[in-house]
Amino acid sequence: MRRRTAPISLAVVALLVALVAAVALAPGAGARRSVAVVPNGTYGVQGPRGEYVVFIVRDRKVRNLNFNIQITCQASDSPIGEQRFFTAGLEAPLGRRIPDSGKLILNWQERGNGRLGQVHVELKFGIRDVANFAVIVPEEPTPESVPGEALESCDGVSSLRFHRGFELTPLPY
């Protein structure tokens, strides 16, 4: 007596292969693009070391970006670095739209606290809203520089978690 299990087994295998292929090719929840929710408002934070970031979002566009971070500066004739602040934002690209991913990257040059710096800012909107900064100030002779005088170069990075509804506290007069 012969067994007839072979055709059934082939049919089951063919059905399983078809199901696996259908699941693999079908768009699932993981294939959908998520869009970061970025409500209109004022965003920012004041950090513990005197650092801050503040900006406005209107219709997914960043405006009035302003920040202050610590940088380390070193003169070309000194082995010791000194902490300084770099304040920037006036020259930041205005009205850049926040991508659906929630990550906006800005790059520009700006003179902050008398130093011409190359500025990189990354604003991330999501579960944790984070602003990442990097500033590089190359050695630059100024009109006031004397030939042979030591030049100063600076760099610094910072990461600040910001939130919506932020306002800078007014300075005491």
C-alpha atoms as a PDB file:
ATOM      1  CA  MET A   1       0.000   0.000   0.000  1.00  0.00           C
ATOM      2  CA  ARG A   2       1.352   3.372  -1.006  1.00  0.00           C
ATOM      3  CA  ARG A   3       1.263   6.474   1.073  1.00  0.00           C
ATOM      4  CA  ARG A   4      -0.150   9.657  -0.435  1.00  0.00           C
ATOM      5  CA  THR A   5       1.609  12.104   1.903  1.00  0.00           C
ATOM      6  CA  ALA A   6       4.084  13.415  -0.666  1.00  0.00           C
ATOM      7  CA  PRO A   7       1.571  15.536  -2.659  1.00  0.00           C
ATOM      8  CA  ILE A   8       0.105  16.939   0.554  1.00  0.00           C
ATOM      9  CA  SER A   9       3.560  17.781   1.870  1.00  0.00           C
ATOM     10  CA  LEU A  10       4.464  19.562  -1.363  1.00  0.00           C
ATOM     11  CA  ALA A  11       1.216  21.523  -1.250  1.00  0.00           C
ATOM     12  CA  VAL A  12       1.858  22.564   2.366  1.00  0.00           C
ATOM     13  CA  VAL A  13       5.428  23.589   1.564  1.00  0.00           C
ATOM     14  CA  ALA A  14       4.259  25.562  -1.491  1.00  0.00           C
ATOM     15  CA  LEU A  15       1.607  27.310   0.627  1.00  0.00           C
ATOM     16  CA  LEU A  16       4.142  28.191   3.351  1.00  0.00           C
ATOM     17  CA  VAL A  17       6.579  29.571   0.778  1.00  0.00           C
ATOM     18  CA  ALA A  18       3.800  31.686  -0.747  1.00  0.00           C
ATOM     19  CA  LEU A  19       2.812  33.022   2.708  1.00  0.00           C
ATOM     20  CA  VAL A  20       6.390  33.894   3.633  1.00  0.00           C
ATOM     21  CA  ALA A  21       6.872  35.660   0.299  1.00  0.00           C
ATOM     22  CA  ALA A  22       3.610  37.595   0.737  1.00  0.00           C
ATOM     23  CA  VAL A  23       4.565  38.714   4.244  1.00  0.00           C
ATOM     24  CA  ALA A  24       8.054  39.716   3.149  1.00  0.00           C
ATOM     25  CA  LEU A  25       6.804  41.752   0.197  1.00  0.00           C
ATOM     26  CA  ALA A  26       3.775  43.330   1.876  1.00  0.00           C
ATOM     27  CA  PRO A  27       4.252  46.797   3.387  1.00  0.00           C
ATOM     28  CA  GLY A  28       4.015  46.424   7.123  1.00  0.00           C
ATOM     29  CA  ALA A  29       4.030  48.794  10.064  1.00  0.00           C
ATOM     30  CA  GLY A  30       7.833  48.924   9.960  1.00  0.00           C
ATOM     31  CA  ALA A  31       7.816  50.114   6.359  1.00  0.00           C
ATOM     32  CA  ARG A  32       5.760  53.243   7.106  1.00  0.00           C
ATOM     33  CA  ARG A  33       7.650  56.479   7.480  1.00  0.00           C
ATOM     34  CA  SER A  34       7.069  58.177  10.772  1.00  0.00           C
ATOM     35  CA  VAL A  35       6.794  61.943  10.831  1.00  0.00           C
ATOM     36  CA  ALA A  36       8.106  63.815  13.854  1.00  0.00           C
ATOM     37  CA  VAL A  37       5.449  66.011  15.455  1.00  0.00           C
ATOM     38  CA  VAL A  38       6.796  69.540  15.898  1.00  0.00           C
ATOM     39  CA  PRO A  39       4.188  71.962  17.303  1.00  0.00           C
ATOM     40  CA  ASN A  40       4.545  75.716  16.835  1.00  0.00           C
ATOM     41  CA  GLY A  41       6.093  77.556  19.765  1.00  0.00           C
ATOM     42  CA  THR A  42       9.241  78.781  21.452  1.00  0.00           C
ATOM     43  CA  TYR A  43      11.801  76.099  22.266  1.00  0.00           C
ATOM     44  CA  GLY A  44      14.929  76.223  24.379  1.00  0.00           C
ATOM     45  CA  VAL A  45      16.820  75.480  27.570  1.00  0.00           C
ATOM     46  CA  GLN A  46      19.288  77.189  29.881  1.00  0.00           C
ATOM     47  CA  GLY A  47      22.152  74.833  30.745  1.00  0.00           C
ATOM     48  CA  PRO A  48      24.046  74.703  34.046  1.00  0.00           C
ATOM     49  CA  ARG A  49      27.316  76.129  32.666  1.00  0.00           C
ATOM     50  CA  GLY A  50      25.823  79.305  31.193  1.00  0.00           C
ATOM     51  CA  GLU A  51      25.004  77.605  27.922  1.00  0.00           C
ATOM     52  CA  TYR A  52      21.604  78.107  26.321  1.00  0.00           C
ATOM     53  CA  VAL A  53      19.637  77.651  23.125  1.00  0.00           C
ATOM     54  CA  VAL A  54      16.376  79.347  22.164  1.00  0.00           C
ATOM     55  CA  PHE A  55      14.442  79.411  18.877  1.00  0.00           C
ATOM     56  CA  ILE A  56      10.936  79.636  17.449  1.00  0.00           C
ATOM     57  CA  VAL A  57       9.151  77.036  15.321  1.00  0.00           C
ATOM     58  CA  ARG A  58       6.307  78.188  13.088  1.00  0.00           C
ATOM     59  CA  ASP A  59       4.887  75.851  10.419  1.00  0.00           C
ATOM     60  CA  ARG A  60       7.829  73.425  10.864  1.00  0.00           C
ATOM     61  CA  LYS A  61      10.307  76.249  10.115  1.00  0.00           C
ATOM     62  CA  VAL A  62      13.012  77.310  12.580  1.00  0.00           C
ATOM     63  CA  ARG A  63      13.397  81.041  13.169  1.00  0.00           C
ATOM     64  CA  ASN A  64      15.353  83.295  15.539  1.00  0.00           C
ATOM     65  CA  LEU A  65      17.893  80.637  16.550  1.00  0.00           C
ATOM     66  CA  ASN A  66      20.232  81.899  19.258  1.00  0.00           C
ATOM     67  CA  PHE A  67      22.703  79.937  21.372  1.00  0.00           C
ATOM     68  CA  ASN A  68      25.662  80.279  23.696  1.00  0.00           C
ATOM     69  CA  ILE A  69      28.156  77.435  24.269  1.00  0.00           C
ATOM     70  CA  GLN A  70      31.505  77.047  25.933  1.00  0.00           C
ATOM     71  CA  ILE A  71      34.540  76.625  23.717  1.00  0.00           C
ATOM     72  CA  THR A  72      38.171  75.982  24.567  1.00  0.00           C
ATOM     73  CA  CYS A  73      40.664  78.458  23.122  1.00  0.00           C
ATOM     74  CA  GLN A  74      44.411  78.090  22.939  1.00  0.00           C
ATOM     75  CA  ALA A  75      47.001  80.616  21.866  1.00  0.00           C
ATOM     76  CA  SER A  76      49.661  79.382  19.463  1.00  0.00           C
ATOM     77  CA  ASP A  77      52.386  80.245  21.998  1.00  0.00           C
ATOM     78  CA  SER A  78      50.753  78.650  25.056  1.00  0.00           C
ATOM     79  CA  PRO A  79      50.216  75.015  26.060  1.00  0.00           C
ATOM     80  CA  ILE A  80      47.224  75.943  28.238  1.00  0.00           C
ATOM     81  CA  GLY A  81      43.672  76.205  26.923  1.00  0.00           C
ATOM     82  CA  GLU A  82      41.126  78.638  28.344  1.00  0.00           C
ATOM     83  CA  GLN A  83      37.334  78.410  28.455  1.00  0.00           C
ATOM     84  CA  ARG A  84      35.410  81.093  26.587  1.00  0.00           C
ATOM     85  CA  PHE A  85      31.864  81.488  25.335  1.00  0.00           C
ATOM     86  CA  PHE A  86      30.699  81.574  21.733  1.00  0.00           C
ATOM     87  CA  THR A  87      27.338  83.263  21.175  1.00  0.00           C
ATOM     88  CA  ALA A  88      25.747  82.922  17.764  1.00  0.00           C
ATOM     89  CA  GLY A  89      22.534  82.788  15.815  1.00  0.00           C
ATOM     90  CA  LEU A  90      22.208  86.158  14.091  1.00  0.00           C
ATOM     91  CA  GLU A  91      23.703  84.754  10.879  1.00  0.00           C
ATOM     92  CA  ALA A  92      21.956  81.357  11.099  1.00  0.00           C
ATOM     93  CA  PRO A  93      20.002  80.283   8.029  1.00  0.00           C
ATOM     94  CA  LEU A  94      16.411  81.451   8.591  1.00  0.00           C
ATOM     95  CA  GLY A  95      13.203  79.614   7.864  1.00  0.00           C
ATOM     96  CA  ARG A  96      14.681  76.177   7.208  1.00  0.00           C
ATOM     97  CA  ARG A  97      11.993  73.512   7.241  1.00  0.00           C
ATOM     98  CA  ILE A  98      12.306  70.648   9.722  1.00  0.00           C
ATOM     99  CA  PRO A  99      12.338  67.388   7.682  1.00  0.00           C
ATOM    100  CA  ASP A 100       9.809  64.628   8.388  1.00  0.00           C
ATOM    101  CA  SER A 101      12.558  62.732  10.203  1.00  0.00           C
ATOM    102  CA  GLY A 102      12.624  65.518  12.809  1.00  0.00           C
ATOM    103  CA  LYS A 103      16.350  66.221  12.339  1.00  0.00           C
ATOM    104  CA  LEU A 104      17.376  69.636  11.014  1.00  0.00           C
ATOM    105  CA  ILE A 105      21.064  70.266  10.245  1.00  0.00           C
ATOM    106  CA  LEU A 106      22.406  73.798   9.785  1.00  0.00           C
ATOM    107  CA  ASN A 107      25.935  74.923   8.861  1.00  0.00           C
ATOM    108  CA  TRP A 108      27.203  78.493   8.539  1.00  0.00           C
ATOM    109  CA  GLN A 109      29.965  80.929   9.509  1.00  0.00           C
ATOM    110  CA  GLU A 110      29.425  83.618  12.100  1.00  0.00           C
ATOM    111  CA  ARG A 111      31.414  86.004  14.234  1.00  0.00           C
ATOM    112  CA  GLY A 112      30.582  85.323  17.878  1.00  0.00           C
ATOM    113  CA  ASN A 113      32.246  87.193  20.725  1.00  0.00           C
ATOM    114  CA  GLY A 114      34.817  88.582  18.274  1.00  0.00           C
ATOM    115  CA  ARG A 115      35.777  85.185  16.807  1.00  0.00           C
ATOM    116  CA  LEU A 116      34.859  83.993  13.314  1.00  0.00           C
ATOM    117  CA  GLY A 117      33.610  80.449  13.756  1.00  0.00           C
ATOM    118  CA  GLN A 118      32.375  77.637  11.577  1.00  0.00           C
ATOM    119  CA  VAL A 119      29.088  76.599  13.187  1.00  0.00           C
ATOM    120  CA  HIS A 120      27.308  73.244  12.935  1.00  0.00           C
ATOM    121  CA  VAL A 121      23.899  72.852  14.599  1.00  0.00           C
ATOM    122  CA  GLU A 122      21.722  69.749  14.665  1.00  0.00           C
ATOM    123  CA  LEU A 123      18.203  70.069  16.093  1.00  0.00           C
ATOM    124  CA  LYS A 124      16.487  66.733  16.752  1.00  0.00           C
ATOM    125  CA  PHE A 125      12.772  66.572  17.497  1.00  0.00           C
ATOM    126  CA  GLY A 126      11.321  63.349  18.841  1.00  0.00           C
ATOM    127  CA  ILE A 127      11.001  61.524  22.128  1.00  0.00           C
ATOM    128  CA  ARG A 128      13.975  63.536  23.409  1.00  0.00           C
ATOM    129  CA  ASP A 129      14.408  66.953  21.814  1.00  0.00           C
ATOM    130  CA  VAL A 130      18.155  67.616  21.568  1.00  0.00           C
ATOM    131  CA  ALA A 131      20.302  70.422  20.148  1.00  0.00           C
ATOM    132  CA  ASN A 132      23.868  69.444  19.224  1.00  0.00           C
ATOM    133  CA  PHE A 133      26.442  72.139  18.515  1.00  0.00           C
ATOM    134  CA  ALA A 134      29.976  72.207  17.168  1.00  0.00           C
ATOM    135  CA  VAL A 135      32.035  75.364  16.693  1.00  0.00           C
ATOM    136  CA  ILE A 136      35.521  75.613  15.192  1.00  0.00           C
ATOM    137  CA  VAL A 137      37.409  78.906  15.252  1.00  0.00           C
ATOM    138  CA  PRO A 138      40.634  78.667  13.237  1.00  0.00           C
ATOM    139  CA  GLU A 139      43.610  80.913  13.955  1.00  0.00           C
ATOM    140  CA  GLU A 140      42.766  84.195  12.314  1.00  0.00           C
ATOM    141  CA  PRO A 141      44.780  87.399  12.200  1.00  0.00           C
ATOM    142  CA  THR A 142      42.657  90.470  12.890  1.00  0.00           C
ATOM    143  CA  PRO A 143      43.292  94.062  11.801  1.00  0.00           C
ATOM    144  CA  GLU A 144      44.526  94.733  15.329  1.00  0.00           C
ATOM    145  CA  SER A 145      47.021  91.829  15.196  1.00  0.00           C
ATOM    146  CA  VAL A 146      50.698  92.641  15.336  1.00  0.00           C
ATOM    147  CA  PRO A 147      52.983  90.593  13.026  1.00  0.00           C
ATOM    148  CA  GLY A 148      54.514  87.736  15.008  1.00  0.00           C
ATOM    149  CA  GLU A 149      51.825  87.938  17.696  1.00  0.00           C
ATOM    150  CA  ALA A 150      50.396  84.643  18.958  1.00  0.00           C
ATOM    151  CA  LEU A 151      47.102  83.685  17.346  1.00  0.00           C
ATOM    152  CA  GLU A 152      44.270  81.889  19.091  1.00  0.00           C
ATOM    153  CA  SER A 153      42.257  78.909  17.840  1.00  0.00           C
ATOM    154  CA  CYS A 154      39.147  77.572  19.534  1.00  0.00           C
ATOM    155  CA  ASP A 155      36.730  74.674  19.330  1.00  0.00           C
ATOM    156  CA  GLY A 156      33.855  73.316  21.311  1.00  0.00           C
ATOM    157  CA  VAL A 157      30.904  70.956  21.242  1.00  0.00           C
ATOM    158  CA  SER A 158      27.768  70.868  23.336  1.00  0.00           C
ATOM    159  CA  SER A 159      24.527  68.951  23.559  1.00  0.00           C
ATOM    160  CA  LEU A 160      21.456  70.440  25.223  1.00  0.00           C
ATOM    161  CA  ARG A 161      18.014  68.884  25.705  1.00  0.00           C
ATOM    162  CA  PHE A 162      15.431  71.536  24.953  1.00  0.00           C
ATOM    163  CA  HIS A 163      11.669  71.780  25.454  1.00  0.00           C
ATOM    164  CA  ARG A 164       8.722  73.735  24.078  1.00  0.00           C
ATOM    165  CA  GLY A 165       7.394  76.719  26.026  1.00  0.00           C
ATOM    166  CA  PHE A 166      10.844  77.994  27.016  1.00  0.00           C
ATOM    167  CA  GLU A 167      11.617  81.636  27.757  1.00  0.00           C
ATOM    168  CA  LEU A 168      14.976  83.089  28.740  1.00  0.00           C
ATOM    169  CA  THR A 169      14.915  84.716  32.144  1.00  0.00           C
ATOM    170  CA  PRO A 170      15.542  88.453  31.865  1.00  0.00           C
ATOM    171  CA  LEU A 171      18.934  89.697  32.986  1.00  0.00           C
ATOM    172  CA  PRO A 172      18.957  91.722  36.228  1.00  0.00           C
ATOM    173  CA  TYR A 173      19.788  95.389  35.688  1.00  0.00           C
END
